[in-house]
Amino acid sequence: MVVQTIDGISFQMKEEYDFSFISKYGKVFRVFDNSYSGAICFGVEKAGKRYFLKFAGAKTRAATCQNIEDIIMMLKISVPKYKELKHPLLVNQIDAEEIGGGFVAVYDWFDGEGCGYMHPEMQKKFLALPNKEKLRVYEGILEFHAHVIECGYIAIDFNNGTTLYNFDNGNFAFCDIDFYAKQCQISGWSGIWGDPSLKSPEESRGYAVITEVSNVYTMGATAFYFFAEDDKVSREKWTLSDELHEVAKKAINEQQSQRQHTIKEFKCEWKTATTK
C-alpha cells in the first residue's frame, strides 16, 4: 500500500497514481478510498459549489476486482442508469468522461453520511433514531424502489450504505445504483453483489432469475434491519406493530410465490398496516 496526498488530504492506494487531473473539477476536501467496487471517490469544491467524483482506472486498496478495464467498464455502464432512474431521492449525476487514463462520473454533492456496515458508528447512530424518523426514511426507500420497478429495472447490490442520511436536517438520498439492472437479471455465478442480510435466497444461487419478487424480499429484510436489529426470526426485537411485522415477514418468505408479488403490493399492505 502507498499513501498519497491531494490538497492536504491523505489516502491509501494499492499503487501510486497520477491524480493531477482532479484539479480540473476543484479542490479536494474528502477522499473515499475503501470501496470494494474498485473506484476511488473524491469530494471537491469549485467556485463555492461541491461535487462528488467517482473515478475508475487506478488500483485501489479495497477492490475485489483486480481488472482495471472491467472496473472502468462497470462505471461507464452505470452512467445512463442515473438518467433513466432520475428521481428526487437519487443523487444528481451531471457529467461523465474519459480522463486521466480512466473514467470519471461527476455528481452534485449530497451532504450526508453512509449508515451501512462500512460505517459502524453512523450505522449505530442511525438505528438509534426514533421509529417515526426511520419510518419516514424507510417509506422513502419503498417509494424509490417502486419507481425503479416502473422504469423497468430491479435493485442489485442495494445495501444500507447506499442510502445517505443527514443527521442535522433529516435529508436522505440514494447514492449508488451502479449495479441496478433491467428485469430480469440472471445470476450467472454463485451469487451476485449485495448485503447478505438483505439479499433474497435466489440471489445467492448460481443461474437464478432475479425479478421484482426478489426486491420484495429485500424491502422486507430492510424493514427487519431498521426495526428489529436485523433479527428475522424472533418477534421480541420488532419495535413496530404486529400488523407491520406480518407484512414484513410475508416479504421474506423463502418461497417466492408466498411473498407479495410486487413492490406496489408490498407498499399497499405496509400502508394499510400502519393505519391499524
C-alpha atoms as a PDB file:
ATOM      1  CA  MET A   1       0.000   0.000   0.000  1.00  0.00           C
ATOM      2  CA  VAL A   2       1.101   3.564  -0.681  1.00  0.00           C
ATOM      3  CA  VAL A   3      -0.066   6.831   0.855  1.00  0.00           C
ATOM      4  CA  GLN A   4      -0.851   9.736  -1.456  1.00  0.00           C
ATOM      5  CA  THR A   5      -1.896  13.297  -0.686  1.00  0.00           C
ATOM      6  CA  ILE A   6      -4.071  15.731  -2.651  1.00  0.00           C
ATOM      7  CA  ASP A   7      -4.770  19.248  -1.375  1.00  0.00           C
ATOM      8  CA  GLY A   8      -3.620  18.168   2.076  1.00  0.00           C
ATOM      9  CA  ILE A   9      -5.917  15.119   2.194  1.00  0.00           C
ATOM     10  CA  SER A  10      -4.116  11.761   2.563  1.00  0.00           C
ATOM     11  CA  PHE A  11      -5.430   8.402   1.354  1.00  0.00           C
ATOM     12  CA  GLN A  12      -4.204   4.897   0.567  1.00  0.00           C
ATOM     13  CA  MET A  13      -3.774   3.210  -2.797  1.00  0.00           C
ATOM     14  CA  LYS A  14      -2.554  -0.207  -3.845  1.00  0.00           C
ATOM     15  CA  GLU A  15      -0.251   1.522  -6.308  1.00  0.00           C
ATOM     16  CA  GLU A  16       0.636   5.190  -6.742  1.00  0.00           C
ATOM     17  CA  TYR A  17      -1.396   7.014  -9.387  1.00  0.00           C
ATOM     18  CA  ASP A  18      -1.239  10.455 -11.010  1.00  0.00           C
ATOM     19  CA  PHE A  19      -4.418  12.248  -9.910  1.00  0.00           C
ATOM     20  CA  SER A  20      -3.317  15.702 -11.082  1.00  0.00           C
ATOM     21  CA  PHE A  21      -6.345  15.819 -13.431  1.00  0.00           C
ATOM     22  CA  ILE A  22      -8.657  16.077 -10.401  1.00  0.00           C
ATOM     23  CA  SER A  23      -7.768  19.784 -10.121  1.00  0.00           C
ATOM     24  CA  LYS A  24      -9.964  20.365 -13.194  1.00  0.00           C
ATOM     25  CA  TYR A  25     -13.014  19.735 -11.024  1.00  0.00           C
ATOM     26  CA  GLY A  26     -11.936  21.665  -7.937  1.00  0.00           C
ATOM     27  CA  LYS A  27     -10.079  21.399  -4.649  1.00  0.00           C
ATOM     28  CA  VAL A  28     -10.304  18.060  -2.847  1.00  0.00           C
ATOM     29  CA  PHE A  29     -11.788  18.178   0.653  1.00  0.00           C
ATOM     30  CA  ARG A  30     -12.502  14.478   1.162  1.00  0.00           C
ATOM     31  CA  VAL A  31     -11.379  11.128  -0.262  1.00  0.00           C
ATOM     32  CA  PHE A  32     -13.199   7.773  -0.137  1.00  0.00           C
ATOM     33  CA  ASP A  33     -10.541   5.123  -0.787  1.00  0.00           C
ATOM     34  CA  ASN A  34     -12.062   1.925   0.611  1.00  0.00           C
ATOM     35  CA  SER A  35     -14.784   0.972  -1.877  1.00  0.00           C
ATOM     36  CA  TYR A  36     -14.882  -2.692  -2.896  1.00  0.00           C
ATOM     37  CA  SER A  37     -16.051  -1.587  -6.370  1.00  0.00           C
ATOM     38  CA  GLY A  38     -12.512  -0.583  -7.341  1.00  0.00           C
ATOM     39  CA  ALA A  39     -13.442   3.065  -7.879  1.00  0.00           C
ATOM     40  CA  ILE A  40     -11.973   5.857  -5.780  1.00  0.00           C
ATOM     41  CA  CYS A  41     -14.161   8.832  -4.902  1.00  0.00           C
ATOM     42  CA  PHE A  42     -13.423  12.469  -4.148  1.00  0.00           C
ATOM     43  CA  GLY A  43     -15.347  15.341  -2.661  1.00  0.00           C
ATOM     44  CA  VAL A  44     -14.239  18.519  -4.456  1.00  0.00           C
ATOM     45  CA  GLU A  45     -15.197  22.184  -4.276  1.00  0.00           C
ATOM     46  CA  LYS A  46     -15.057  24.734  -7.091  1.00  0.00           C
ATOM     47  CA  ALA A  47     -16.416  28.285  -7.122  1.00  0.00           C
ATOM     48  CA  GLY A  48     -18.296  27.655  -3.890  1.00  0.00           C
ATOM     49  CA  LYS A  49     -20.066  24.520  -5.151  1.00  0.00           C
ATOM     50  CA  ARG A  50     -19.312  20.954  -4.091  1.00  0.00           C
ATOM     51  CA  TYR A  51     -19.213  17.835  -6.260  1.00  0.00           C
ATOM     52  CA  PHE A  52     -18.699  14.111  -5.822  1.00  0.00           C
ATOM     53  CA  LEU A  53     -16.347  12.351  -8.252  1.00  0.00           C
ATOM     54  CA  LYS A  54     -16.163   8.609  -8.852  1.00  0.00           C
ATOM     55  CA  PHE A  55     -13.047   7.570 -10.773  1.00  0.00           C
ATOM     56  CA  ALA A  56     -12.141   4.159 -12.217  1.00  0.00           C
ATOM     57  CA  GLY A  57      -8.699   3.456 -13.616  1.00  0.00           C
ATOM     58  CA  ALA A  58      -6.395   3.351 -10.591  1.00  0.00           C
ATOM     59  CA  LYS A  59      -5.515   0.359  -8.421  1.00  0.00           C
ATOM     60  CA  THR A  60      -7.329   0.939  -5.142  1.00  0.00           C
ATOM     61  CA  ARG A  61      -6.629  -0.791  -1.845  1.00  0.00           C
ATOM     62  CA  ALA A  62     -10.035  -2.435  -1.317  1.00  0.00           C
ATOM     63  CA  ALA A  63     -11.057  -3.512  -4.826  1.00  0.00           C
ATOM     64  CA  THR A  64     -12.472  -7.023  -5.089  1.00  0.00           C
ATOM     65  CA  CYS A  65     -11.910  -6.967  -8.855  1.00  0.00           C
ATOM     66  CA  GLN A  66      -8.314  -6.504  -9.980  1.00  0.00           C
ATOM     67  CA  ASN A  67      -9.024  -5.997 -13.696  1.00  0.00           C
ATOM     68  CA  ILE A  68      -8.892  -2.239 -14.259  1.00  0.00           C
ATOM     69  CA  GLU A  69     -10.656  -2.450 -17.630  1.00  0.00           C
ATOM     70  CA  ASP A  70     -13.594  -4.266 -16.042  1.00  0.00           C
ATOM     71  CA  ILE A  71     -13.841  -1.627 -13.300  1.00  0.00           C
ATOM     72  CA  ILE A  72     -13.814   1.174 -15.885  1.00  0.00           C
ATOM     73  CA  MET A  73     -16.475  -0.595 -17.941  1.00  0.00           C
ATOM     74  CA  MET A  74     -18.743  -1.053 -14.903  1.00  0.00           C
ATOM     75  CA  LEU A  75     -18.583   2.672 -14.174  1.00  0.00           C
ATOM     76  CA  LYS A  76     -19.308   3.544 -17.813  1.00  0.00           C
ATOM     77  CA  ILE A  77     -22.295   1.179 -17.848  1.00  0.00           C
ATOM     78  CA  SER A  78     -23.701   2.863 -14.737  1.00  0.00           C
ATOM     79  CA  VAL A  79     -23.870   6.341 -16.312  1.00  0.00           C
ATOM     80  CA  PRO A  80     -27.178   6.045 -18.245  1.00  0.00           C
ATOM     81  CA  LYS A  81     -28.897   4.488 -15.217  1.00  0.00           C
ATOM     82  CA  TYR A  82     -28.768   7.805 -13.335  1.00  0.00           C
ATOM     83  CA  LYS A  83     -30.652   9.448 -16.200  1.00  0.00           C
ATOM     84  CA  GLU A  84     -33.172   6.640 -16.682  1.00  0.00           C
ATOM     85  CA  LEU A  85     -33.850   6.337 -12.934  1.00  0.00           C
ATOM     86  CA  LYS A  86     -33.745  10.067 -12.184  1.00  0.00           C
ATOM     87  CA  HIS A  87     -35.706  10.795  -9.012  1.00  0.00           C
ATOM     88  CA  PRO A  88     -35.757  13.438  -6.231  1.00  0.00           C
ATOM     89  CA  LEU A  89     -34.228  10.862  -3.853  1.00  0.00           C
ATOM     90  CA  LEU A  90     -31.378   9.904  -6.215  1.00  0.00           C
ATOM     91  CA  VAL A  91     -28.162  11.932  -6.314  1.00  0.00           C
ATOM     92  CA  ASN A  92     -27.923  14.005  -9.467  1.00  0.00           C
ATOM     93  CA  GLN A  93     -25.289  12.977 -11.991  1.00  0.00           C
ATOM     94  CA  ILE A  94     -24.095  15.965 -14.003  1.00  0.00           C
ATOM     95  CA  ASP A  95     -21.213  14.709 -16.135  1.00  0.00           C
ATOM     96  CA  ALA A  96     -19.082  11.712 -17.110  1.00  0.00           C
ATOM     97  CA  GLU A  97     -15.970  11.462 -19.277  1.00  0.00           C
ATOM     98  CA  GLU A  98     -12.749   9.666 -20.052  1.00  0.00           C
ATOM     99  CA  ILE A  99      -9.851  11.403 -18.332  1.00  0.00           C
ATOM    100  CA  GLY A 100      -6.574  10.683 -16.562  1.00  0.00           C
ATOM    101  CA  GLY A 101      -6.188   7.278 -18.132  1.00  0.00           C
ATOM    102  CA  GLY A 102      -9.555   6.156 -16.812  1.00  0.00           C
ATOM    103  CA  PHE A 103     -13.169   7.274 -16.480  1.00  0.00           C
ATOM    104  CA  VAL A 104     -14.883   9.685 -14.086  1.00  0.00           C
ATOM    105  CA  ALA A 105     -18.523  10.304 -13.221  1.00  0.00           C
ATOM    106  CA  VAL A 106     -19.450  13.618 -11.591  1.00  0.00           C
ATOM    107  CA  TYR A 107     -22.401  14.177  -9.268  1.00  0.00           C
ATOM    108  CA  ASP A 108     -23.792  17.029  -7.217  1.00  0.00           C
ATOM    109  CA  TRP A 109     -22.547  16.681  -3.666  1.00  0.00           C
ATOM    110  CA  PHE A 110     -25.075  15.421  -1.115  1.00  0.00           C
ATOM    111  CA  ASP A 111     -24.231  16.352   2.462  1.00  0.00           C
ATOM    112  CA  GLY A 112     -24.922  13.119   4.335  1.00  0.00           C
ATOM    113  CA  GLU A 113     -23.371  10.016   5.846  1.00  0.00           C
ATOM    114  CA  GLY A 114     -23.434   6.394   4.772  1.00  0.00           C
ATOM    115  CA  CYS A 115     -25.065   4.330   7.514  1.00  0.00           C
ATOM    116  CA  GLY A 116     -24.145   0.814   6.416  1.00  0.00           C
ATOM    117  CA  TYR A 117     -21.821  -1.821   7.804  1.00  0.00           C
ATOM    118  CA  MET A 118     -18.753   0.004   6.446  1.00  0.00           C
ATOM    119  CA  HIS A 119     -19.569   2.921   8.767  1.00  0.00           C
ATOM    120  CA  PRO A 120     -20.383   1.245  12.112  1.00  0.00           C
ATOM    121  CA  GLU A 121     -20.567   4.470  14.135  1.00  0.00           C
ATOM    122  CA  MET A 122     -23.018   6.080  11.706  1.00  0.00           C
ATOM    123  CA  GLN A 123     -24.929   2.802  11.450  1.00  0.00           C
ATOM    124  CA  LYS A 124     -25.390   2.695  15.219  1.00  0.00           C
ATOM    125  CA  LYS A 125     -26.392   6.371  15.295  1.00  0.00           C
ATOM    126  CA  PHE A 126     -28.971   5.891  12.540  1.00  0.00           C
ATOM    127  CA  LEU A 127     -30.532   2.814  14.132  1.00  0.00           C
ATOM    128  CA  ALA A 128     -30.895   4.769  17.385  1.00  0.00           C
ATOM    129  CA  LEU A 129     -33.157   7.338  15.709  1.00  0.00           C
ATOM    130  CA  PRO A 130     -36.850   7.377  16.731  1.00  0.00           C
ATOM    131  CA  ASN A 131     -39.061   4.929  14.851  1.00  0.00           C
ATOM    132  CA  LYS A 132     -41.061   7.806  13.392  1.00  0.00           C
ATOM    133  CA  GLU A 133     -37.964   9.119  11.606  1.00  0.00           C
ATOM    134  CA  LYS A 134     -36.791   5.693  10.484  1.00  0.00           C
ATOM    135  CA  LEU A 135     -40.286   5.021   9.131  1.00  0.00           C
ATOM    136  CA  ARG A 136     -40.068   8.191   7.037  1.00  0.00           C
ATOM    137  CA  VAL A 137     -36.743   7.053   5.555  1.00  0.00           C
ATOM    138  CA  TYR A 138     -37.963   3.503   5.057  1.00  0.00           C
ATOM    139  CA  GLU A 139     -41.068   4.647   3.218  1.00  0.00           C
ATOM    140  CA  GLY A 140     -38.783   6.764   1.016  1.00  0.00           C
ATOM    141  CA  ILE A 141     -36.834   3.604   0.211  1.00  0.00           C
ATOM    142  CA  LEU A 142     -40.089   1.904  -0.810  1.00  0.00           C
ATOM    143  CA  GLU A 143     -41.103   4.904  -2.928  1.00  0.00           C
ATOM    144  CA  PHE A 144     -37.778   4.960  -4.766  1.00  0.00           C
ATOM    145  CA  HIS A 145     -37.767   1.237  -5.474  1.00  0.00           C
ATOM    146  CA  ALA A 146     -41.341   1.320  -6.742  1.00  0.00           C
ATOM    147  CA  HIS A 147     -40.038   3.966  -9.164  1.00  0.00           C
ATOM    148  CA  VAL A 148     -37.106   1.702 -10.102  1.00  0.00           C
ATOM    149  CA  ILE A 149     -39.529  -1.078 -10.989  1.00  0.00           C
ATOM    150  CA  GLU A 150     -41.749   1.277 -13.020  1.00  0.00           C
ATOM    151  CA  CYS A 151     -38.667   2.222 -15.041  1.00  0.00           C
ATOM    152  CA  GLY A 152     -38.071  -1.429 -15.909  1.00  0.00           C
ATOM    153  CA  TYR A 153     -35.180  -2.013 -13.515  1.00  0.00           C
ATOM    154  CA  ILE A 154     -34.566  -4.106 -10.415  1.00  0.00           C
ATOM    155  CA  ALA A 155     -32.285  -3.312  -7.492  1.00  0.00           C
ATOM    156  CA  ILE A 156     -28.982  -5.162  -7.393  1.00  0.00           C
ATOM    157  CA  ASP A 157     -26.497  -4.516  -4.579  1.00  0.00           C
ATOM    158  CA  PHE A 158     -28.889  -2.349  -2.552  1.00  0.00           C
ATOM    159  CA  ASN A 159     -27.461  -2.059   0.945  1.00  0.00           C
ATOM    160  CA  ASN A 160     -27.672   0.244   3.915  1.00  0.00           C
ATOM    161  CA  GLY A 161     -24.575   2.104   2.795  1.00  0.00           C
ATOM    162  CA  THR A 162     -26.142   3.244  -0.466  1.00  0.00           C
ATOM    163  CA  THR A 163     -28.557   5.497   1.428  1.00  0.00           C
ATOM    164  CA  LEU A 164     -27.000   8.738   2.676  1.00  0.00           C
ATOM    165  CA  TYR A 165     -28.572  10.431   5.692  1.00  0.00           C
ATOM    166  CA  ASN A 166     -28.048  13.941   7.067  1.00  0.00           C
ATOM    167  CA  PHE A 167     -28.351  13.872  10.847  1.00  0.00           C
ATOM    168  CA  ASP A 168     -28.774  17.657  11.049  1.00  0.00           C
ATOM    169  CA  ASN A 169     -31.765  18.130   8.748  1.00  0.00           C
ATOM    170  CA  GLY A 170     -33.064  14.602   8.059  1.00  0.00           C
ATOM    171  CA  ASN A 171     -32.460  14.747   4.310  1.00  0.00           C
ATOM    172  CA  PHE A 172     -31.562  11.449   2.683  1.00  0.00           C
ATOM    173  CA  ALA A 173     -30.682  10.229  -0.792  1.00  0.00           C
ATOM    174  CA  PHE A 174     -29.592   7.184  -2.766  1.00  0.00           C
ATOM    175  CA  CYS A 175     -26.026   7.452  -3.960  1.00  0.00           C
ATOM    176  CA  ASP A 176     -25.195   4.149  -5.652  1.00  0.00           C
ATOM    177  CA  ILE A 177     -27.333   2.358  -8.243  1.00  0.00           C
ATOM    178  CA  ASP A 178     -24.373   1.213 -10.350  1.00  0.00           C
ATOM    179  CA  PHE A 179     -25.400  -2.462 -10.330  1.00  0.00           C
ATOM    180  CA  TYR A 180     -29.150  -1.949 -10.785  1.00  0.00           C
ATOM    181  CA  ALA A 181     -30.215  -3.870 -13.870  1.00  0.00           C
ATOM    182  CA  LYS A 182     -33.025  -4.388 -16.338  1.00  0.00           C
ATOM    183  CA  GLN A 183     -35.579  -7.042 -15.393  1.00  0.00           C
ATOM    184  CA  CYS A 184     -34.919  -9.969 -15.345  1.00  0.00           C
ATOM    185  CA  GLN A 185     -31.351 -10.312 -14.093  1.00  0.00           C
ATOM    186  CA  ILE A 186     -29.753 -13.756 -14.240  1.00  0.00           C
ATOM    187  CA  SER A 187     -27.123 -14.592 -11.638  1.00  0.00           C
ATOM    188  CA  GLY A 188     -24.521 -16.452 -13.687  1.00  0.00           C
ATOM    189  CA  TRP A 189     -22.250 -17.338 -10.814  1.00  0.00           C
ATOM    190  CA  SER A 190     -22.646 -18.386  -7.194  1.00  0.00           C
ATOM    191  CA  GLY A 191     -24.272 -15.204  -6.025  1.00  0.00           C
ATOM    192  CA  ILE A 192     -24.344 -11.512  -7.012  1.00  0.00           C
ATOM    193  CA  TRP A 193     -23.429  -8.246  -5.339  1.00  0.00           C
ATOM    194  CA  GLY A 194     -25.311  -7.281  -2.200  1.00  0.00           C
ATOM    195  CA  ASP A 195     -25.502  -7.322   1.575  1.00  0.00           C
ATOM    196  CA  PRO A 196     -26.124 -10.992   2.533  1.00  0.00           C
ATOM    197  CA  SER A 197     -28.670  -9.952   5.155  1.00  0.00           C
ATOM    198  CA  LEU A 198     -30.754  -8.092   2.545  1.00  0.00           C
ATOM    199  CA  LYS A 199     -30.415 -10.363  -0.476  1.00  0.00           C
ATOM    200  CA  SER A 200     -33.156 -12.801  -1.372  1.00  0.00           C
ATOM    201  CA  PRO A 201     -32.234 -16.514  -1.261  1.00  0.00           C
ATOM    202  CA  GLU A 202     -32.329 -16.737  -5.057  1.00  0.00           C
ATOM    203  CA  GLU A 203     -29.663 -14.009  -5.317  1.00  0.00           C
ATOM    204  CA  SER A 204     -27.182 -16.351  -3.642  1.00  0.00           C
ATOM    205  CA  ARG A 205     -27.703 -19.165  -6.132  1.00  0.00           C
ATOM    206  CA  GLY A 206     -25.918 -19.625  -9.432  1.00  0.00           C
ATOM    207  CA  TYR A 207     -28.007 -19.108 -12.572  1.00  0.00           C
ATOM    208  CA  ALA A 208     -31.057 -17.863 -10.670  1.00  0.00           C
ATOM    209  CA  VAL A 209     -33.503 -15.386 -12.220  1.00  0.00           C
ATOM    210  CA  ILE A 210     -33.746 -12.187 -10.179  1.00  0.00           C
ATOM    211  CA  THR A 211     -37.052 -10.336 -10.529  1.00  0.00           C
ATOM    212  CA  GLU A 212     -39.236  -7.801  -8.738  1.00  0.00           C
ATOM    213  CA  VAL A 213     -40.232 -10.506  -6.251  1.00  0.00           C
ATOM    214  CA  SER A 214     -36.580 -10.697  -5.235  1.00  0.00           C
ATOM    215  CA  ASN A 215     -36.693  -6.977  -4.488  1.00  0.00           C
ATOM    216  CA  VAL A 216     -39.812  -7.540  -2.372  1.00  0.00           C
ATOM    217  CA  TYR A 217     -37.648  -9.764  -0.172  1.00  0.00           C
ATOM    218  CA  THR A 218     -35.022  -7.012   0.065  1.00  0.00           C
ATOM    219  CA  MET A 219     -37.638  -4.469   1.155  1.00  0.00           C
ATOM    220  CA  GLY A 220     -38.891  -6.840   3.847  1.00  0.00           C
ATOM    221  CA  ALA A 221     -35.357  -7.589   5.015  1.00  0.00           C
ATOM    222  CA  THR A 222     -34.649  -3.854   5.168  1.00  0.00           C
ATOM    223  CA  ALA A 223     -37.639  -3.446   7.492  1.00  0.00           C
ATOM    224  CA  PHE A 224     -36.130  -6.025   9.837  1.00  0.00           C
ATOM    225  CA  TYR A 225     -32.809  -4.190   9.688  1.00  0.00           C
ATOM    226  CA  PHE A 226     -34.483  -0.883  10.607  1.00  0.00           C
ATOM    227  CA  PHE A 227     -36.916  -2.118  13.223  1.00  0.00           C
ATOM    228  CA  ALA A 228     -35.643  -5.434  14.608  1.00  0.00           C
ATOM    229  CA  GLU A 229     -31.827  -5.163  14.692  1.00  0.00           C
ATOM    230  CA  ASP A 230     -31.710  -7.461  11.643  1.00  0.00           C
ATOM    231  CA  ASP A 231     -33.429 -10.282  13.570  1.00  0.00           C
ATOM    232  CA  LYS A 232     -35.779 -12.049  11.163  1.00  0.00           C
ATOM    233  CA  VAL A 233     -36.588 -14.961  13.474  1.00  0.00           C
ATOM    234  CA  SER A 234     -37.736 -13.803  16.911  1.00  0.00           C
ATOM    235  CA  ARG A 235     -40.662 -11.413  17.405  1.00  0.00           C
ATOM    236  CA  GLU A 236     -39.212  -9.808  20.545  1.00  0.00           C
ATOM    237  CA  LYS A 237     -36.891  -7.305  18.839  1.00  0.00           C
ATOM    238  CA  TRP A 238     -39.515  -5.985  16.411  1.00  0.00           C
ATOM    239  CA  THR A 239     -40.402  -2.441  17.534  1.00  0.00           C
ATOM    240  CA  LEU A 240     -43.451  -1.750  15.356  1.00  0.00           C
ATOM    241  CA  SER A 241     -46.972  -3.209  15.328  1.00  0.00           C
ATOM    242  CA  ASP A 242     -47.900  -6.875  14.872  1.00  0.00           C
ATOM    243  CA  GLU A 243     -49.627  -5.964  11.612  1.00  0.00           C
ATOM    244  CA  LEU A 244     -46.451  -4.453  10.154  1.00  0.00           C
ATOM    245  CA  HIS A 245     -44.463  -7.438  11.371  1.00  0.00           C
ATOM    246  CA  GLU A 246     -46.765  -9.733   9.392  1.00  0.00           C
ATOM    247  CA  VAL A 247     -46.307  -7.665   6.232  1.00  0.00           C
ATOM    248  CA  ALA A 248     -42.505  -7.744   6.546  1.00  0.00           C
ATOM    249  CA  LYS A 249     -42.495 -11.441   7.479  1.00  0.00           C
ATOM    250  CA  LYS A 250     -44.506 -12.320   4.375  1.00  0.00           C
ATOM    251  CA  ALA A 251     -41.995 -10.451   2.198  1.00  0.00           C
ATOM    252  CA  ILE A 252     -39.039 -12.535   3.399  1.00  0.00           C
ATOM    253  CA  ASN A 253     -40.638 -15.916   2.788  1.00  0.00           C
ATOM    254  CA  GLU A 254     -38.121 -18.346   1.279  1.00  0.00           C
ATOM    255  CA  GLN A 255     -40.710 -19.253  -1.357  1.00  0.00           C
ATOM    256  CA  GLN A 256     -41.166 -16.506  -3.940  1.00  0.00           C
ATOM    257  CA  SER A 257     -44.798 -17.461  -4.516  1.00  0.00           C
ATOM    258  CA  GLN A 258     -45.606 -16.757  -0.859  1.00  0.00           C
ATOM    259  CA  ARG A 259     -44.304 -13.176  -0.877  1.00  0.00           C
ATOM    260  CA  GLN A 260     -46.112 -10.063  -2.090  1.00  0.00           C
ATOM    261  CA  HIS A 261     -45.837 -10.198  -5.871  1.00  0.00           C
ATOM    262  CA  THR A 262     -44.790  -6.582  -6.432  1.00  0.00           C
ATOM    263  CA  ILE A 263     -43.245  -3.642  -4.595  1.00  0.00           C
ATOM    264  CA  LYS A 264     -46.531  -1.787  -5.129  1.00  0.00           C
ATOM    265  CA  GLU A 265     -48.432  -4.611  -3.396  1.00  0.00           C
ATOM    266  CA  PHE A 266     -45.953  -4.576  -0.525  1.00  0.00           C
ATOM    267  CA  LYS A 267     -46.291  -0.783  -0.221  1.00  0.00           C
ATOM    268  CA  CYS A 268     -50.092  -1.074  -0.162  1.00  0.00           C
ATOM    269  CA  GLU A 269     -50.063  -3.718   2.579  1.00  0.00           C
ATOM    270  CA  TRP A 270     -47.497  -1.714   4.574  1.00  0.00           C
ATOM    271  CA  LYS A 271     -49.562   1.467   4.318  1.00  0.00           C
ATOM    272  CA  THR A 272     -52.740  -0.348   5.366  1.00  0.00           C
ATOM    273  CA  ALA A 273     -50.974  -1.890   8.349  1.00  0.00           C
ATOM    274  CA  THR A 274     -49.657   1.492   9.538  1.00  0.00           C
ATOM    275  CA  THR A 275     -53.224   2.772   9.934  1.00  0.00           C
ATOM    276  CA  LYS A 276     -54.268  -0.045  12.253  1.00  0.00           C
END
